[in-house]
């Protein structure tokens, strides 16, 4: 074997060994975490907008701007929590975390907010949320788009 070929082979083996192995979060845990976050973060935002900012549910329902503001606020809170801690309260309750696929570290605020926007898109077409049933790494469409991984954290 030529030296050049041997060196390429060694680099290939070294690269495969450096690959990080993750314990992927289950789909059920991800759904439970989402529901928990909806109650802990999104419901209070809706309540504040409906009854503190506006004059009640009728005015909230008549407004087209209010739901957009509520979703945007939820997305900002979500992005701050994910970028700073790697998880939201719901994800913390089920010991899961969102990390960058290549580095294994927390994602940036911008990437977290883009992931939230991609989640909204993924949820509207439903195909993106069903993708984990067909993949070994349990990634959804928004995980694939943003190159993130949802993993189990050590207890």
C-alpha atoms as a PDB file:
ATOM      1  CA  UNK A   1       0.000   0.000   0.000  1.00  0.00           C
ATOM      2  CA  UNK A   2       1.309   3.408  -0.884  1.00  0.00           C
ATOM      3  CA  UNK A   3       2.026   5.884   1.898  1.00  0.00           C
ATOM      4  CA  UNK A   4      -0.525   8.386   0.544  1.00  0.00           C
ATOM      5  CA  UNK A   5      -3.286   5.756   0.538  1.00  0.00           C
ATOM      6  CA  UNK A   6      -2.316   4.606   4.023  1.00  0.00           C
ATOM      7  CA  UNK A   7      -2.472   8.173   5.330  1.00  0.00           C
ATOM      8  CA  UNK A   8      -5.938   8.710   3.771  1.00  0.00           C
ATOM      9  CA  UNK A   9      -7.157   5.490   5.333  1.00  0.00           C
ATOM     10  CA  UNK A  10      -5.845   6.516   8.771  1.00  0.00           C
ATOM     11  CA  UNK A  11      -7.478   9.956   8.502  1.00  0.00           C
ATOM     12  CA  UNK A  12     -10.773   8.320   7.538  1.00  0.00           C
ATOM     13  CA  UNK A  13     -10.638   5.998  10.561  1.00  0.00           C
ATOM     14  CA  UNK A  14      -9.690   8.907  12.835  1.00  0.00           C
ATOM     15  CA  UNK A  15     -12.611  10.995  11.515  1.00  0.00           C
ATOM     16  CA  UNK A  16     -15.062   8.143  12.145  1.00  0.00           C
ATOM     17  CA  UNK A  17     -13.786   7.718  15.709  1.00  0.00           C
ATOM     18  CA  UNK A  18     -14.171  11.437  16.436  1.00  0.00           C
ATOM     19  CA  UNK A  19     -17.858  11.345  15.573  1.00  0.00           C
ATOM     20  CA  UNK A  20     -19.950  12.048  18.643  1.00  0.00           C
ATOM     21  CA  UNK A  21     -22.510   9.442  19.651  1.00  0.00           C
ATOM     22  CA  UNK A  22     -25.779  10.865  20.949  1.00  0.00           C
ATOM     23  CA  UNK A  23     -28.640   9.334  22.887  1.00  0.00           C
ATOM     24  CA  UNK A  24     -31.605  10.750  20.986  1.00  0.00           C
ATOM     25  CA  UNK A  25     -34.709  11.897  22.837  1.00  0.00           C
ATOM     26  CA  UNK A  26     -37.846   9.883  22.219  1.00  0.00           C
ATOM     27  CA  UNK A  27     -40.703  11.375  20.261  1.00  0.00           C
ATOM     28  CA  UNK A  28     -43.074  10.959  23.220  1.00  0.00           C
ATOM     29  CA  UNK A  29     -40.754  12.948  25.498  1.00  0.00           C
ATOM     30  CA  UNK A  30     -40.512  15.687  22.894  1.00  0.00           C
ATOM     31  CA  UNK A  31     -44.311  15.943  22.619  1.00  0.00           C
ATOM     32  CA  UNK A  32     -44.723  15.977  26.416  1.00  0.00           C
ATOM     33  CA  UNK A  33     -42.102  18.727  26.669  1.00  0.00           C
ATOM     34  CA  UNK A  34     -43.918  20.777  24.016  1.00  0.00           C
ATOM     35  CA  UNK A  35     -47.230  20.456  25.870  1.00  0.00           C
ATOM     36  CA  UNK A  36     -45.553  21.447  29.145  1.00  0.00           C
ATOM     37  CA  UNK A  37     -44.002  24.493  27.475  1.00  0.00           C
ATOM     38  CA  UNK A  38     -47.367  25.502  26.044  1.00  0.00           C
ATOM     39  CA  UNK A  39     -48.843  25.565  29.542  1.00  0.00           C
ATOM     40  CA  UNK A  40     -45.861  27.166  31.252  1.00  0.00           C
ATOM     41  CA  UNK A  41     -44.874  29.786  28.660  1.00  0.00           C
ATOM     42  CA  UNK A  42     -47.516  30.247  25.962  1.00  0.00           C
ATOM     43  CA  UNK A  43     -50.659  30.195  28.151  1.00  0.00           C
ATOM     44  CA  UNK A  44     -49.418  33.034  30.426  1.00  0.00           C
ATOM     45  CA  UNK A  45     -48.484  35.090  27.356  1.00  0.00           C
ATOM     46  CA  UNK A  46     -51.982  34.585  25.921  1.00  0.00           C
ATOM     47  CA  UNK A  47     -53.550  35.476  29.267  1.00  0.00           C
ATOM     48  CA  UNK A  48     -51.524  38.681  29.590  1.00  0.00           C
ATOM     49  CA  UNK A  49     -52.299  39.794  26.053  1.00  0.00           C
ATOM     50  CA  UNK A  50     -55.997  38.929  26.339  1.00  0.00           C
ATOM     51  CA  UNK A  51     -56.827  40.354  29.751  1.00  0.00           C
ATOM     52  CA  UNK A  52     -54.098  42.883  30.561  1.00  0.00           C
ATOM     53  CA  UNK A  53     -53.281  44.430  27.198  1.00  0.00           C
ATOM     54  CA  UNK A  54     -56.697  43.989  25.565  1.00  0.00           C
ATOM     55  CA  UNK A  55     -60.176  44.193  27.063  1.00  0.00           C
ATOM     56  CA  UNK A  56     -61.035  40.494  26.945  1.00  0.00           C
ATOM     57  CA  UNK A  57     -61.438  37.518  24.671  1.00  0.00           C
ATOM     58  CA  UNK A  58     -63.793  39.186  22.216  1.00  0.00           C
ATOM     59  CA  UNK A  59     -61.276  41.887  21.409  1.00  0.00           C
ATOM     60  CA  UNK A  60     -58.485  39.280  21.218  1.00  0.00           C
ATOM     61  CA  UNK A  61     -60.483  37.129  18.801  1.00  0.00           C
ATOM     62  CA  UNK A  62     -61.346  40.137  16.647  1.00  0.00           C
ATOM     63  CA  UNK A  63     -57.703  41.159  16.375  1.00  0.00           C
ATOM     64  CA  UNK A  64     -55.416  39.710  13.733  1.00  0.00           C
ATOM     65  CA  UNK A  65     -52.316  41.194  15.305  1.00  0.00           C
ATOM     66  CA  UNK A  66     -52.737  39.747  18.816  1.00  0.00           C
ATOM     67  CA  UNK A  67     -52.139  36.061  17.947  1.00  0.00           C
ATOM     68  CA  UNK A  68     -49.111  37.051  15.856  1.00  0.00           C
ATOM     69  CA  UNK A  69     -47.683  39.034  18.786  1.00  0.00           C
ATOM     70  CA  UNK A  70     -48.332  36.095  21.136  1.00  0.00           C
ATOM     71  CA  UNK A  71     -46.556  33.607  18.842  1.00  0.00           C
ATOM     72  CA  UNK A  72     -43.662  36.036  18.348  1.00  0.00           C
ATOM     73  CA  UNK A  73     -43.259  36.551  22.103  1.00  0.00           C
ATOM     74  CA  UNK A  74     -43.354  32.792  22.656  1.00  0.00           C
ATOM     75  CA  UNK A  75     -40.729  32.328  19.941  1.00  0.00           C
ATOM     76  CA  UNK A  76     -38.462  34.943  21.521  1.00  0.00           C
ATOM     77  CA  UNK A  77     -38.770  33.408  24.988  1.00  0.00           C
ATOM     78  CA  UNK A  78     -38.166  29.956  23.500  1.00  0.00           C
ATOM     79  CA  UNK A  79     -35.068  31.162  21.620  1.00  0.00           C
ATOM     80  CA  UNK A  80     -33.609  32.855  24.709  1.00  0.00           C
ATOM     81  CA  UNK A  81     -34.077  29.749  26.858  1.00  0.00           C
ATOM     82  CA  UNK A  82     -32.726  27.349  24.239  1.00  0.00           C
ATOM     83  CA  UNK A  83     -29.702  29.512  23.437  1.00  0.00           C
ATOM     84  CA  UNK A  84     -28.806  30.139  27.081  1.00  0.00           C
ATOM     85  CA  UNK A  85     -29.640  26.797  28.717  1.00  0.00           C
ATOM     86  CA  UNK A  86     -30.132  24.421  25.791  1.00  0.00           C
ATOM     87  CA  UNK A  87     -33.617  23.596  27.012  1.00  0.00           C
ATOM     88  CA  UNK A  88     -36.982  25.040  27.959  1.00  0.00           C
ATOM     89  CA  UNK A  89     -38.812  24.175  31.209  1.00  0.00           C
ATOM     90  CA  UNK A  90     -40.641  21.328  29.477  1.00  0.00           C
ATOM     91  CA  UNK A  91     -37.449  19.920  28.026  1.00  0.00           C
ATOM     92  CA  UNK A  92     -35.787  20.196  31.421  1.00  0.00           C
ATOM     93  CA  UNK A  93     -38.652  18.254  33.004  1.00  0.00           C
ATOM     94  CA  UNK A  94     -38.096  15.378  30.576  1.00  0.00           C
ATOM     95  CA  UNK A  95     -34.270  15.687  30.628  1.00  0.00           C
ATOM     96  CA  UNK A  96     -33.834  16.536  26.970  1.00  0.00           C
ATOM     97  CA  UNK A  97     -31.710  19.226  25.379  1.00  0.00           C
ATOM     98  CA  UNK A  98     -31.262  20.870  21.975  1.00  0.00           C
ATOM     99  CA  UNK A  99     -27.667  20.980  20.754  1.00  0.00           C
ATOM    100  CA  UNK A 100     -25.794  21.748  17.560  1.00  0.00           C
ATOM    101  CA  UNK A 101     -25.260  18.641  15.457  1.00  0.00           C
ATOM    102  CA  UNK A 102     -21.616  19.259  14.641  1.00  0.00           C
ATOM    103  CA  UNK A 103     -20.259  20.876  17.816  1.00  0.00           C
ATOM    104  CA  UNK A 104     -22.463  19.311  20.491  1.00  0.00           C
ATOM    105  CA  UNK A 105     -22.893  22.697  22.191  1.00  0.00           C
ATOM    106  CA  UNK A 106     -25.870  25.006  22.732  1.00  0.00           C
ATOM    107  CA  UNK A 107     -27.150  26.786  19.660  1.00  0.00           C
ATOM    108  CA  UNK A 108     -27.147  30.551  19.187  1.00  0.00           C
ATOM    109  CA  UNK A 109     -30.171  32.803  19.712  1.00  0.00           C
ATOM    110  CA  UNK A 110     -30.560  33.377  15.977  1.00  0.00           C
ATOM    111  CA  UNK A 111     -30.383  29.664  15.207  1.00  0.00           C
ATOM    112  CA  UNK A 112     -32.877  28.925  18.016  1.00  0.00           C
ATOM    113  CA  UNK A 113     -35.316  31.511  16.666  1.00  0.00           C
ATOM    114  CA  UNK A 114     -34.902  30.182  13.113  1.00  0.00           C
ATOM    115  CA  UNK A 115     -35.534  26.692  14.493  1.00  0.00           C
ATOM    116  CA  UNK A 116     -38.778  27.961  16.040  1.00  0.00           C
ATOM    117  CA  UNK A 117     -39.872  29.473  12.720  1.00  0.00           C
ATOM    118  CA  UNK A 118     -38.957  26.199  10.999  1.00  0.00           C
ATOM    119  CA  UNK A 119     -41.003  24.359  13.651  1.00  0.00           C
ATOM    120  CA  UNK A 120     -44.050  26.456  12.777  1.00  0.00           C
ATOM    121  CA  UNK A 121     -43.565  25.560   9.111  1.00  0.00           C
ATOM    122  CA  UNK A 122     -42.944  21.913   9.968  1.00  0.00           C
ATOM    123  CA  UNK A 123     -46.084  21.759  12.095  1.00  0.00           C
ATOM    124  CA  UNK A 124     -48.283  23.262   9.381  1.00  0.00           C
ATOM    125  CA  UNK A 125     -47.335  20.667   6.789  1.00  0.00           C
ATOM    126  CA  UNK A 126     -47.431  17.803   9.374  1.00  0.00           C
ATOM    127  CA  UNK A 127     -44.929  15.796   7.335  1.00  0.00           C
ATOM    128  CA  UNK A 128     -42.081  17.408   9.254  1.00  0.00           C
ATOM    129  CA  UNK A 129     -43.459  16.228  12.579  1.00  0.00           C
ATOM    130  CA  UNK A 130     -43.937  12.662  11.342  1.00  0.00           C
ATOM    131  CA  UNK A 131     -40.388  12.394  10.042  1.00  0.00           C
ATOM    132  CA  UNK A 132     -38.914  10.996  13.318  1.00  0.00           C
ATOM    133  CA  UNK A 133     -40.914   7.798  12.836  1.00  0.00           C
ATOM    134  CA  UNK A 134     -38.875   7.063   9.689  1.00  0.00           C
ATOM    135  CA  UNK A 135     -35.393   8.113  10.831  1.00  0.00           C
ATOM    136  CA  UNK A 136     -32.931   6.418  13.160  1.00  0.00           C
ATOM    137  CA  UNK A 137     -31.732   9.722  14.595  1.00  0.00           C
ATOM    138  CA  UNK A 138     -35.327  10.849  15.365  1.00  0.00           C
ATOM    139  CA  UNK A 139     -34.852  14.214  13.633  1.00  0.00           C
ATOM    140  CA  UNK A 140     -37.803  16.331  12.589  1.00  0.00           C
ATOM    141  CA  UNK A 141     -37.817  18.603   9.567  1.00  0.00           C
ATOM    142  CA  UNK A 142     -36.866  21.659  11.613  1.00  0.00           C
ATOM    143  CA  UNK A 143     -33.943  19.726  13.142  1.00  0.00           C
ATOM    144  CA  UNK A 144     -32.730  18.834   9.665  1.00  0.00           C
ATOM    145  CA  UNK A 145     -33.101  22.414   8.432  1.00  0.00           C
ATOM    146  CA  UNK A 146     -31.212  23.920  11.384  1.00  0.00           C
ATOM    147  CA  UNK A 147     -28.718  21.061  11.896  1.00  0.00           C
ATOM    148  CA  UNK A 148     -29.712  20.471  15.502  1.00  0.00           C
ATOM    149  CA  UNK A 149     -30.198  17.335  17.582  1.00  0.00           C
ATOM    150  CA  UNK A 150     -32.550  16.741  20.521  1.00  0.00           C
ATOM    151  CA  UNK A 151     -30.750  14.464  22.971  1.00  0.00           C
ATOM    152  CA  UNK A 152     -31.294  12.978  26.402  1.00  0.00           C
ATOM    153  CA  UNK A 153     -29.245  14.703  29.074  1.00  0.00           C
ATOM    154  CA  UNK A 154     -27.560  12.851  31.854  1.00  0.00           C
ATOM    155  CA  UNK A 155     -29.484  12.857  35.091  1.00  0.00           C
END
